[in-house]
Structures are given as C-alpha cells and as structure tokens.
Protein backbone atom coordinates (compact mmCIF):
# COMPACT_ATOMS: atom_id res chain seq x y z
CA UNK A 1 58.80 -9.77 -126.08
CA UNK A 2 61.05 -12.78 -125.40
CA UNK A 3 64.82 -12.99 -124.85
CA UNK A 4 65.20 -14.19 -128.44
CA UNK A 5 63.73 -10.87 -129.66
CA UNK A 6 66.51 -8.92 -127.91
CA UNK A 7 69.25 -10.15 -130.27
CA UNK A 8 71.08 -12.51 -127.89
CA UNK A 9 73.06 -15.53 -129.15
CA UNK A 10 71.75 -19.09 -129.19
CA UNK A 11 74.26 -20.19 -126.53
CA UNK A 12 73.10 -17.43 -124.25
CA UNK A 13 69.44 -18.24 -124.83
CA UNK A 14 70.13 -21.84 -123.86
CA UNK A 15 71.75 -20.71 -120.60
CA UNK A 16 68.77 -18.45 -119.87
CA UNK A 17 66.41 -21.36 -120.46
CA UNK A 18 68.44 -23.53 -118.07
CA UNK A 19 68.01 -20.78 -115.45
CA UNK A 20 64.21 -21.09 -115.82
CA UNK A 21 63.68 -17.51 -116.98
CA UNK A 22 60.74 -17.21 -119.40
CA UNK A 23 60.58 -13.54 -120.39
CA UNK A 24 62.74 -10.47 -119.76
CA UNK A 25 61.89 -7.85 -117.14
CA UNK A 26 61.13 -4.25 -118.20
CA UNK A 27 64.68 -3.05 -117.47
CA UNK A 28 66.11 -5.96 -119.49
CA UNK A 29 63.83 -5.22 -122.44
CA UNK A 30 65.00 -1.61 -122.57
CA UNK A 31 68.68 -1.98 -121.62
CA UNK A 32 69.94 -5.07 -123.49
CA UNK A 33 69.48 -3.71 -127.06
CA UNK A 34 71.38 -0.49 -126.24
CA UNK A 35 74.21 -2.38 -124.55
CA UNK A 36 74.57 -4.58 -127.65
CA UNK A 37 74.68 -1.40 -129.77
CA UNK A 38 77.65 -0.13 -127.73
CA UNK A 39 75.84 2.93 -126.30
CA UNK A 40 76.71 4.49 -122.94
CA UNK A 41 73.75 4.19 -120.60
CA UNK A 42 72.33 5.61 -117.37
CA UNK A 43 69.73 3.15 -116.08
CA UNK A 44 67.42 3.63 -113.12
CA UNK A 45 65.27 0.79 -111.83
CA UNK A 46 64.02 -0.26 -108.45
CA UNK A 47 65.86 -3.05 -106.70
CA UNK A 48 64.89 -6.61 -107.58
CA UNK A 49 63.95 -5.89 -111.21
CA UNK A 50 66.78 -7.80 -112.93
CA UNK A 51 69.38 -5.08 -113.36
CA UNK A 52 72.29 -7.53 -113.13
CA UNK A 53 71.13 -9.64 -116.07
CA UNK A 54 70.46 -6.49 -118.12
CA UNK A 55 74.21 -5.83 -118.40
CA UNK A 56 75.71 -9.32 -117.82
CA UNK A 57 73.79 -10.97 -120.70
CA UNK A 58 74.83 -8.57 -123.50
CA UNK A 59 78.39 -8.33 -122.10
CA UNK A 60 78.84 -12.09 -122.53
CA UNK A 61 77.93 -11.90 -126.23
CA UNK A 62 80.22 -8.88 -126.78
CA UNK A 63 83.21 -10.45 -125.00
CA UNK A 64 82.75 -13.81 -126.76
CA UNK A 65 84.01 -12.25 -130.02
CA UNK A 66 87.65 -12.20 -128.86
CA UNK A 67 89.98 -13.47 -126.12
CA UNK A 68 91.62 -11.76 -123.15
CA UNK A 69 95.36 -11.48 -122.58
CA UNK A 70 97.28 -11.81 -119.32
CA UNK A 71 96.77 -8.84 -116.98
CA UNK A 72 94.63 -7.11 -119.63
CA UNK A 73 90.91 -7.39 -118.81
CA UNK A 74 88.39 -6.32 -121.44
CA UNK A 75 85.52 -5.51 -119.07
CA UNK A 76 85.29 -4.20 -115.50
CA UNK A 77 82.27 -4.34 -113.19
CA UNK A 78 82.49 -2.32 -109.96
CA UNK A 79 80.28 -3.25 -107.01
CA UNK A 80 79.97 -1.43 -103.66
CA UNK A 81 80.05 -4.55 -101.45
CA UNK A 82 81.77 -7.93 -101.52
CA UNK A 83 78.45 -9.76 -101.41
CA UNK A 84 77.18 -8.00 -104.52
CA UNK A 85 80.44 -8.66 -106.34
CA UNK A 86 80.25 -12.36 -105.48
CA UNK A 87 76.62 -12.50 -106.63
CA UNK A 88 77.42 -10.86 -110.00
CA UNK A 89 80.30 -13.31 -110.40
CA UNK A 90 77.87 -16.20 -109.91
CA UNK A 91 75.47 -14.68 -112.47
CA UNK A 92 78.28 -14.31 -114.99
CA UNK A 93 79.26 -17.94 -114.48
CA UNK A 94 75.66 -19.17 -114.75
CA UNK A 95 74.79 -17.24 -117.92
CA UNK A 96 78.17 -17.80 -119.57
CA UNK A 97 78.46 -21.55 -119.03
CA UNK A 98 78.28 -22.20 -122.79
CA UNK A 99 81.03 -19.67 -123.53
CA UNK A 100 84.76 -19.94 -122.85
CA UNK A 101 85.07 -16.69 -120.97
CA UNK A 102 87.28 -16.19 -117.93
CA UNK A 103 86.43 -14.00 -114.97
CA UNK A 104 88.29 -12.76 -111.91
CA UNK A 105 86.65 -11.77 -108.63
CA UNK A 106 88.64 -9.10 -106.76
CA UNK A 107 87.28 -8.49 -103.27
CA UNK A 108 88.85 -7.75 -99.91
CA UNK A 109 88.76 -9.86 -96.78
CA UNK A 110 90.39 -12.88 -98.43
CA UNK A 111 93.88 -13.73 -99.68
CA UNK A 112 95.16 -11.84 -102.71
CA UNK A 113 97.22 -14.79 -104.02
CA UNK A 114 94.41 -16.72 -105.80
CA UNK A 115 93.05 -13.49 -107.24
CA UNK A 116 96.50 -12.61 -108.56
CA UNK A 117 96.67 -16.01 -110.30
CA UNK A 118 93.31 -15.33 -111.98
CA UNK A 119 94.65 -12.04 -113.33
CA UNK A 120 97.91 -13.64 -114.52
CA UNK A 121 96.18 -16.30 -116.61
CA UNK A 122 94.00 -13.64 -118.28
CA UNK A 123 90.46 -12.55 -117.39
CA UNK A 124 87.84 -11.35 -119.83
CA UNK A 125 85.95 -9.54 -117.05
CA UNK A 126 86.99 -8.26 -113.62
CA UNK A 127 84.24 -8.08 -110.98
CA UNK A 128 85.61 -6.05 -108.10
CA UNK A 129 85.10 -3.68 -105.22
CA UNK A 130 86.88 -0.31 -105.67
CA UNK A 131 89.38 -0.76 -102.83
CA UNK A 132 90.72 -4.16 -103.92
CA UNK A 133 90.77 -3.09 -107.58
CA UNK A 134 93.00 -0.09 -106.80
CA UNK A 135 95.19 -2.29 -104.62
CA UNK A 136 95.80 -4.68 -107.52
CA UNK A 137 96.42 -1.82 -109.94
CA UNK A 138 98.95 -0.10 -107.67
CA UNK A 139 100.81 -3.41 -107.29
CA UNK A 140 101.26 -3.49 -111.07
CA UNK A 141 99.00 -6.51 -111.58
CA UNK A 142 96.63 -4.83 -114.07
CA UNK A 143 97.01 -3.19 -117.48
CA UNK A 144 93.88 -1.21 -118.36
CA UNK A 145 94.48 -0.01 -121.92
CA UNK A 146 92.39 -2.86 -123.41
CA UNK A 147 89.19 -2.19 -121.38
CA UNK A 148 86.15 -2.01 -123.70
CA UNK A 149 83.23 -2.06 -121.20
CA UNK A 150 83.08 -0.38 -117.79
CA UNK A 151 80.08 -0.92 -115.48
CA UNK A 152 79.33 1.01 -112.27
CA UNK A 153 76.61 -0.92 -110.47
CA UNK A 154 74.57 0.44 -107.53
CA UNK A 155 76.02 3.92 -108.03
CA UNK A 156 73.86 5.46 -105.28
CA UNK A 157 75.23 2.91 -102.81
CA UNK A 158 78.76 3.79 -103.96
CA UNK A 159 77.92 7.38 -103.11
CA UNK A 160 76.59 6.51 -99.65
CA UNK A 161 79.65 4.41 -98.80
CA UNK A 162 82.14 7.10 -99.91
CA UNK A 163 83.54 5.16 -102.89
CA UNK A 164 83.06 7.90 -105.49
CA UNK A 165 86.65 9.27 -105.14
CA UNK A 166 87.97 5.75 -105.78
CA UNK A 167 85.69 5.39 -108.79
CA UNK A 168 86.96 8.69 -110.18
CA UNK A 169 90.57 7.50 -109.77
CA UNK A 170 89.75 4.31 -111.69
CA UNK A 171 87.98 6.18 -114.51
CA UNK A 172 91.04 8.41 -115.06
CA UNK A 173 93.13 5.30 -115.78
CA UNK A 174 90.72 3.79 -118.32
CA UNK A 175 90.85 4.40 -122.08
CA UNK A 176 88.57 7.16 -123.31
CA UNK A 177 87.19 4.98 -126.10
CA UNK A 178 85.11 2.66 -123.93
CA UNK A 179 81.46 1.87 -123.26
CA UNK A 180 80.30 2.97 -119.80
CA UNK A 181 77.15 1.71 -118.11
CA UNK A 182 75.89 3.30 -114.89
CA UNK A 183 73.13 1.53 -112.96
CA UNK A 184 71.41 2.90 -109.89
CA UNK A 185 68.22 2.37 -107.93
CA UNK A 186 67.84 6.13 -107.36
CA UNK A 187 69.07 9.05 -109.45
CA UNK A 188 70.36 11.73 -107.09
CA UNK A 189 71.90 15.05 -108.22
CA UNK A 190 75.37 13.69 -107.45
CA UNK A 191 74.69 10.62 -109.60
CA UNK A 192 73.60 12.92 -112.41
CA UNK A 193 76.89 14.82 -112.09
CA UNK A 194 78.86 11.57 -112.33
CA UNK A 195 76.92 10.55 -115.41
CA UNK A 196 77.78 13.85 -117.09
CA UNK A 197 81.47 13.33 -116.25
CA UNK A 198 81.85 9.62 -117.09
CA UNK A 199 79.35 8.94 -119.89
CA UNK A 200 79.40 10.05 -123.52
CA UNK A 201 75.97 10.86 -125.00
CA UNK A 202 74.26 8.28 -122.77
CA UNK A 203 70.89 6.66 -123.29
CA UNK A 204 68.83 7.25 -120.15
CA UNK A 205 66.45 4.49 -119.08
CA UNK A 206 64.00 4.49 -116.20
CA UNK A 207 61.45 1.74 -115.86
CA UNK A 208 59.68 2.95 -112.71
CA UNK A 209 59.81 5.84 -110.26
CA UNK A 210 62.75 5.33 -107.88
CA UNK A 211 60.52 5.83 -104.84
CA UNK A 212 58.13 3.00 -105.65
CA UNK A 213 58.12 -0.26 -103.70
CA UNK A 214 57.59 -3.62 -105.39
CA UNK A 215 53.93 -4.53 -105.94
CA UNK A 216 54.56 -8.12 -104.82
CA UNK A 217 55.48 -7.02 -101.27
CA UNK A 218 52.81 -6.59 -98.56
CA UNK A 219 53.82 -3.91 -96.04
CA UNK A 220 52.76 -3.49 -92.42
CA UNK A 221 53.67 -1.25 -89.45
CA UNK A 222 53.70 -2.38 -85.81
CA UNK A 223 53.62 0.30 -83.12
CA UNK A 224 55.57 -0.57 -79.95
CA UNK A 225 57.19 1.16 -77.00
CA UNK A 226 60.99 1.25 -77.04
CA UNK A 227 61.33 -0.97 -73.97
CA UNK A 228 58.94 -3.60 -75.38
CA UNK A 229 60.67 -4.08 -78.73
CA UNK A 230 62.29 -7.45 -78.06
CA UNK A 231 59.20 -9.07 -76.57
CA UNK A 232 56.93 -7.67 -79.31
CA UNK A 233 59.33 -8.85 -82.01
CA UNK A 234 59.49 -12.39 -80.63
CA UNK A 235 55.68 -12.44 -80.60
CA UNK A 236 55.57 -11.12 -84.18
CA UNK A 237 57.86 -13.72 -85.74
CA UNK A 238 55.97 -16.53 -84.00
CA UNK A 239 52.73 -15.15 -85.42
CA UNK A 240 54.03 -14.82 -89.00
CA UNK A 241 55.16 -18.41 -89.57
CA UNK A 242 58.39 -17.38 -91.30
CA UNK A 243 59.99 -19.57 -93.97
CA UNK A 244 63.12 -17.45 -94.43
CA UNK A 245 63.67 -13.85 -93.31
CA UNK A 246 66.15 -10.99 -93.09
CA UNK A 247 65.97 -8.73 -90.03
CA UNK A 248 67.52 -5.28 -90.49
CA UNK A 249 69.06 -3.21 -87.69
CA UNK A 250 70.73 0.19 -87.93
CA UNK A 251 73.83 -0.66 -85.88
CA UNK A 252 76.32 -3.52 -86.03
CA UNK A 253 76.32 -3.89 -82.25
CA UNK A 254 72.55 -4.27 -82.24
CA UNK A 255 72.83 -6.92 -84.98
CA UNK A 256 75.00 -9.10 -82.75
CA UNK A 257 72.81 -8.49 -79.69
CA UNK A 258 69.56 -9.38 -81.47
CA UNK A 259 71.09 -12.47 -83.11
CA UNK A 260 72.23 -13.75 -79.71
CA UNK A 261 68.81 -13.01 -78.18
CA UNK A 262 66.88 -14.86 -80.90
CA UNK A 263 69.29 -17.79 -80.80
CA UNK A 264 68.81 -17.97 -77.03
CA UNK A 265 65.05 -18.14 -77.57
CA UNK A 266 65.48 -21.13 -79.88
CA UNK A 267 65.34 -19.48 -83.31
CA UNK A 268 67.74 -20.51 -86.10
CA UNK A 269 69.63 -17.22 -86.43
CA UNK A 270 72.97 -15.80 -87.63
CA UNK A 271 74.32 -12.21 -87.86
CA UNK A 272 75.78 -10.41 -90.89
CA UNK A 273 77.56 -7.04 -90.89
CA UNK A 274 80.68 -5.33 -92.19
CA UNK A 275 82.94 -6.16 -89.22
CA UNK A 276 82.74 -9.90 -89.92
CA UNK A 277 85.41 -11.67 -91.97
CA UNK A 278 84.62 -12.20 -95.64
CA UNK A 279 84.66 -16.04 -95.51
CA UNK A 280 82.21 -15.94 -92.60
CA UNK A 281 79.93 -13.52 -94.43
CA UNK A 282 79.88 -15.68 -97.56
CA UNK A 283 79.28 -18.82 -95.50
CA UNK A 284 76.31 -17.17 -93.77
CA UNK A 285 74.74 -16.06 -97.07
CA UNK A 286 75.22 -19.54 -98.56
CA UNK A 287 73.40 -21.01 -95.57
CA UNK A 288 70.47 -18.65 -96.19
CA UNK A 289 70.39 -19.46 -99.93
CA UNK A 290 70.51 -23.23 -99.29
CA UNK A 291 67.68 -23.08 -96.77
CA UNK A 292 69.91 -23.99 -93.80
CA UNK A 293 69.20 -20.70 -92.04
CA UNK A 294 65.82 -19.18 -91.16
CA UNK A 295 66.67 -15.74 -89.72
CA UNK A 296 69.50 -13.51 -90.92
CA UNK A 297 70.01 -10.44 -88.69
CA UNK A 298 71.86 -7.91 -90.83
CA UNK A 299 72.98 -4.32 -91.18
CA UNK A 300 72.43 -2.38 -94.41
CA UNK A 301 75.34 -4.28 -95.98
CA UNK A 302 72.64 -6.79 -97.03
CA UNK A 303 70.12 -4.16 -98.19
CA UNK A 304 71.35 -3.76 -101.77
CA UNK A 305 71.20 -6.16 -104.67
CA UNK A 306 71.27 -9.49 -102.84
CA UNK A 307 69.18 -11.98 -104.80
CA UNK A 308 67.90 -14.72 -102.48
CA UNK A 309 64.51 -15.75 -103.91
CA UNK A 310 63.47 -17.88 -100.92
CA UNK A 311 63.27 -14.90 -98.51
CA UNK A 312 59.60 -14.70 -97.53
CA UNK A 313 59.78 -11.90 -94.91
CA UNK A 314 61.69 -8.71 -94.26
CA UNK A 315 61.61 -7.32 -90.73
CA UNK A 316 62.77 -3.78 -90.00
CA UNK A 317 63.64 -4.04 -86.33
CA UNK A 318 64.85 -0.43 -86.58
CA UNK A 319 63.30 2.22 -88.80
CA UNK A 320 66.01 3.16 -91.35
CA UNK A 321 67.57 6.60 -90.98
CA UNK A 322 67.43 7.27 -94.74
CA UNK A 323 64.02 6.70 -96.37
CA UNK A 324 65.69 5.29 -99.53
CA UNK A 325 67.09 2.42 -97.44
CA UNK A 326 63.54 1.30 -96.69
CA UNK A 327 62.94 0.58 -100.39
CA UNK A 328 66.21 -1.34 -100.68
CA UNK A 329 65.57 -3.36 -97.53
CA UNK A 330 62.10 -4.57 -98.44
CA UNK A 331 63.32 -5.26 -101.98
CA UNK A 332 65.07 -8.38 -100.64
CA UNK A 333 61.70 -10.15 -100.67
CA UNK A 334 59.01 -10.45 -103.33
CA UNK A 335 61.64 -11.09 -106.01
CA UNK A 336 61.07 -12.67 -109.42
CA UNK A 337 57.30 -12.36 -109.05
CA UNK A 338 57.14 -14.20 -105.73
CA UNK A 339 54.98 -12.77 -102.92
CA UNK A 340 56.67 -11.29 -99.86
CA UNK A 341 55.89 -9.52 -96.61
CA UNK A 342 57.70 -6.54 -95.04
CA UNK A 343 56.99 -5.54 -91.42
CA UNK A 344 58.52 -2.66 -89.47
CA UNK A 345 58.57 -1.95 -85.73
CA UNK A 346 57.92 1.74 -85.02
CA UNK A 347 58.30 3.55 -81.69
CA UNK A 348 57.01 7.06 -80.87
CA UNK A 349 60.57 8.36 -81.32
CA UNK A 350 60.56 7.08 -84.93
CA UNK A 351 57.68 9.30 -86.03
CA UNK A 352 59.81 11.68 -88.10
CA UNK A 353 61.63 8.91 -90.01
CA UNK A 354 58.34 7.12 -90.63
CA UNK A 355 56.80 10.31 -91.99
CA UNK A 356 59.67 10.75 -94.46
CA UNK A 357 59.24 7.17 -95.70
CA UNK A 358 55.50 7.60 -96.18
CA UNK A 359 55.92 10.91 -97.99
CA UNK A 360 58.66 9.51 -100.26
CA UNK A 361 56.77 6.36 -101.28
CA UNK A 362 53.35 8.05 -101.39
CA UNK A 363 51.81 4.93 -99.90
CA UNK A 364 49.56 4.34 -96.90
CA UNK A 365 51.06 1.41 -95.03
CA UNK A 366 48.51 -0.29 -92.73
CA UNK A 367 49.12 -0.81 -89.01
CA UNK A 368 49.09 -4.37 -87.68
CA UNK A 369 47.98 -4.90 -84.05
CA UNK A 370 49.62 -7.49 -81.81
CA UNK A 371 47.35 -9.49 -79.53
CA UNK A 372 47.52 -8.36 -75.92
CA UNK A 373 49.50 -5.18 -76.70
CA UNK A 374 48.29 -1.62 -76.89
CA UNK A 375 50.06 0.33 -79.64
CA UNK A 376 51.33 3.79 -78.61
CA UNK A 377 50.35 6.95 -80.47
CA UNK A 378 52.88 7.73 -83.20
CA UNK A 379 52.80 11.09 -84.98
CA UNK A 380 54.32 10.92 -88.47
CA UNK A 381 52.76 14.13 -89.79
CA UNK A 382 54.73 17.00 -91.30
CA UNK A 383 53.84 19.21 -88.32
CA UNK A 384 55.48 16.73 -85.94
CA UNK A 385 58.84 16.98 -87.70
CA UNK A 386 60.09 20.06 -85.84
CA UNK A 387 58.58 18.76 -82.60
CA UNK A 388 60.62 15.55 -82.80
CA UNK A 389 63.77 17.54 -83.52
CA UNK A 390 63.22 19.80 -80.52
CA UNK A 391 62.68 16.80 -78.28
CA UNK A 392 65.86 15.14 -79.53
CA UNK A 393 67.77 18.38 -79.01
CA UNK A 394 66.64 18.62 -75.38
CA UNK A 395 67.48 14.98 -74.85
CA UNK A 396 70.98 15.42 -76.25
CA UNK A 397 71.60 18.59 -74.27
CA UNK A 398 70.57 17.07 -70.94
CA UNK A 399 70.24 18.81 -67.59
CA UNK A 400 73.86 19.98 -67.50
CA UNK A 401 73.17 22.45 -70.31
CA UNK A 402 70.19 24.00 -68.52
CA UNK A 403 71.30 25.71 -65.30
CA UNK A 404 67.74 26.42 -64.20
CA UNK A 405 67.06 22.70 -63.94
CA UNK A 406 70.31 21.61 -62.31
CA UNK A 407 69.61 19.93 -59.00
CA UNK A 408 71.83 21.14 -56.13
CA UNK A 409 74.66 18.77 -55.32
CA UNK A 410 75.44 17.51 -51.86
CA UNK A 411 78.33 19.93 -51.54
CA UNK A 412 76.13 22.92 -52.33
CA UNK A 413 73.78 22.02 -49.46
CA UNK A 414 76.49 22.40 -46.85
CA UNK A 415 76.45 25.63 -44.92
CA UNK A 416 79.54 27.66 -45.61
CA UNK A 417 80.57 30.91 -43.93
CA UNK A 418 79.63 33.84 -46.11
CA UNK A 419 82.40 36.22 -47.10
CA UNK A 420 81.96 39.82 -46.09
CA UNK A 421 83.63 43.00 -47.24
CA UNK A 422 83.87 44.49 -43.72
CA UNK A 423 86.78 43.50 -41.49
CA UNK A 424 84.86 43.19 -38.21
CA UNK A 425 82.55 40.31 -39.28
CA UNK A 426 85.56 38.53 -40.76
CA UNK A 427 87.42 38.89 -37.45
CA UNK A 428 84.40 37.49 -35.61
CA UNK A 429 84.33 34.50 -37.99
CA UNK A 430 88.02 33.82 -37.37
CA UNK A 431 87.52 34.02 -33.63
CA UNK A 432 84.47 31.74 -33.84
CA UNK A 433 86.29 29.18 -35.96
CA UNK A 434 87.21 26.00 -34.08
CA UNK A 435 90.82 25.67 -33.04
CA UNK A 436 93.01 22.96 -34.51
CA UNK A 437 93.84 19.87 -32.53
CA UNK A 438 96.78 20.15 -30.08
CA UNK A 439 98.91 17.78 -32.08
CA UNK A 440 98.99 20.17 -35.01
CA UNK A 441 99.72 23.40 -33.02
CA UNK A 442 102.99 25.29 -33.48
CA UNK A 443 105.42 24.83 -30.54
CA UNK A 444 105.99 27.91 -28.38
CA UNK A 445 109.31 29.84 -28.52
CA UNK A 446 111.78 29.01 -25.69
CA UNK A 447 112.29 31.73 -23.01
CA UNK A 448 116.11 31.18 -22.66
CA UNK A 449 118.96 32.76 -24.60
CA UNK A 450 120.48 30.79 -27.46
CA UNK A 451 124.27 30.24 -27.02
CA UNK A 452 126.59 32.00 -29.47
CA UNK A 453 128.08 28.79 -30.84
CA UNK A 454 124.55 27.69 -31.84
CA UNK A 455 123.48 31.04 -33.21
CA UNK A 456 126.52 31.50 -35.51
CA UNK A 457 127.33 28.49 -37.73
CA UNK A 458 130.99 27.37 -37.85
CA UNK A 459 133.14 28.50 -40.83
CA UNK A 460 133.35 26.04 -43.76
CA UNK A 461 136.37 23.69 -43.85
CA UNK A 462 138.49 24.22 -47.04
CA UNK A 463 138.49 21.25 -49.40
CA UNK A 464 141.84 19.52 -49.89
CA UNK A 465 143.30 19.91 -53.36
CA UNK A 466 143.71 16.77 -55.46
CA UNK A 467 147.40 16.64 -56.41
CA UNK A 468 147.23 13.33 -58.26
CA UNK A 469 148.17 13.34 -61.89
CA UNK A 470 145.47 12.42 -64.28
CA UNK A 471 146.17 10.33 -67.34
CA UNK A 472 145.74 12.11 -70.62
CA UNK A 473 143.42 10.61 -73.22
C-alpha cells in the first residue's frame, strides 16, 4: 500500500515525496483512513513508528477545506513537552507547505507576545503544551467553540508528568461535537479510563505490543561496579566509534556532571534537561540534528517522540526506574529503518530494575565485556527482587535505626559515678568529689555585729508633687 492508496490529496502526496518517504508505516496505514472518515481513535504504537504523520497528514487535508478566524482555532494538538510540540510544528510545516494553512506554537519558556500575535491573525491548528494553552485561554486569547479536531499525543507521558488534570480542564471547554484522537506508546488502565471519558465510539488501533523494542536496534548490557562507572563509560564510547549519541541519566544534576566530565575529556558534549531555558534547549537539539554535536547527555525529557534520524547510539548511563522508559529511550535510535545500537551500564544495585525490563520486553539482552575489566555478578532474577528491597531498606535505615549496632560514642566511654538508692554511698561520693578552686568558693560570714543603720534600710523620701499646670489638648 502506498500513500496514494490512503486517500490523501495530490498536494499532500507531493509534500510527502519531497520528504523522501516511499511507503507508509503500519500505524499510518491503519490510522489515516479512519482520521479522514472523522472517527474518534485510540492508537497504540511503539515509539519511532511514524505516529506524528499518522494524524498530521489527514488533518492537513481536513483543515484545507475551510479557513480559520482570529482567535478561533479549528484543531488542537497537545504535547507533553516543548521539544515534542516544536517537532510536531515542524512536521506540520513540512507536510503542509503546498497548503495555505496557519499554525501557532504555544509553549512555555519563551515570550508570549509572538505567540499572541499568531493567535490574533488566526491559526488553523494550535500545537501546545497544556500549561501554556491554559494560560492563553485564561487570558481571553482563545475561543474554542470552532474546534473540530482534538489530538492528545503521548498520553502515557502526559500521565507520568501529571498533566491529566490540565487535559481534563481543556476537554471540558471544547465543543462536544468534535473528533478526538488519542495516541500513546503504552495503554495503561488510566489511559483506558481517559479514552472512555473523552472519546465517542472510538476505533482502537494497535500495530505492535507496547512492550516490544524496535527490531532495528541492537541491545547490549555492560556490567560495572558503581565506583567504576565513569571510567568504564569513557572506555565504552571510545570503543564504539560513535557518530551521534544520546546519553540518558536519571537525575538532572547527574546530567550536568556527566556532560562536564565528558567535555573535560575532550568529547563534543552538551546537556539537556527540564531546568534549562527553552531557547537553550532548542539550540542544543538543533545542534544535534545538524550534526554539530556528537554527545547529548539528557534526562527523560528527551526520551519521548524526538525524531533525530542521525542518532546512531543510545547509552543508558543509569538504568531507568520505570521499565517503560527503557523502550522510549532506545527508540531514539534505529528510526525510519536505520540501524542503531543501545547500550546500558548495569551495577549490582540495578539488578531489580534490570529484571523488570527483561520480564517486560521478554527479550534476552546479551552482555558485552570491556577489555581489562571484570564484570561483577548481577542478579536480575525474580527471587532477587525481595533481596534487593531488603538491602535498600537496611541502607536507608542506617545504623541509627538499629540500636544493637550503634557504636559507643566518646562521651559514653567516660567513667561516670553511678547513682545509688542508698544515702551512705551517695554521701561518700560527695565527700570524694574534688573541691572547687579557691577562686570560686563562697566567702565566709564575718564574725562582727552589723550596725543598726546598715541592718535597717532608711525610710523612703516622699516624692515632691508637680504643681505645674498642664496645657489641655
């Protein structure tokens, strides 16, 4: 099946041809006809399978039939992160270059003034993050009664980031007669509940199990001790001959630390995480896309939906806490049929998380040895799960929570006089106690009589009365 068989317009087919796409992906083959029919849809597909084009392409043909009015968008696309929103905006511009459609990108971290101007002139489609969208609506910049298509992209990521209450607030303000499309890489029970609440008789599409990894990605595990991570990682990236790579860490602080370390060792590196300003984040991603950056050290803000075809390697410096994040991370390579490699450093403390990843994917990921290094034993079995939890519990509790293991302090080693209930030993202890220095002793009472005029204080002198007149007022 070709794109022409899906019922798309000639102008759109020309734009697809200019983008060098030959045939649609499985999710595009199944989704595009139902979007053109106006059906609500719940679509599940693994990351990197062309989900964005599956709703952007038919939307362009639908919106081309009429024009937008000022402050009255006809389509809304919600994205969980600014990077994803910017990427969808670029896709809309690329595929719609032969149509006279207007778009507005509403994301935080940058000035609202240019975005407000885009809304004022009239936008056929708004591509936004939930927070900035609600900000514009509450300022009175948007009128939503003309919305025909509403898209919630990366719904599972919305759930993880806590955006679902904002999405529910937006849905309440939209017209009931609309087409709603919900796309997600994984269908969790909460996502199913949202689909039941937002969608009307939806068509459900799933092109592959949500726990599968892309076939074009080679996966490897590298066992290391926690204290040898940095040295082993430097050895690994030298061995791999990386063209372009994303390195994932679990914490923002670790992202900055690793980026500085690699840059100090002479590698072309830049960090990316949520605490950076939006212009800096976009500049960093553009450098990676243009081939001006080799290593991008990132948090999970870069794990979803980013389409950078030139990424040849994904390195998991830290094992992800959630097993689903592993699929999203390694999905940044091996895109559009290109080969990719995903390598993950694993310490003995990561055995439980590794076991959950292996059980979720159902795959046996091979171990890769590093020359000159002995890999530690790592237990990822189901039986080791409770063992790892007990060890972490003891580590968190520490010695202060276990009185039997508390070492005596210096004060407790001093010999102190023991208290006794009997009076005689106590009297002996008082007599045996050293006397205070002479300078601090109480002076003895004098042996002469005190005179009467010193013993009895003089009577108080009566205070003279103030006879001056005081001014009234």
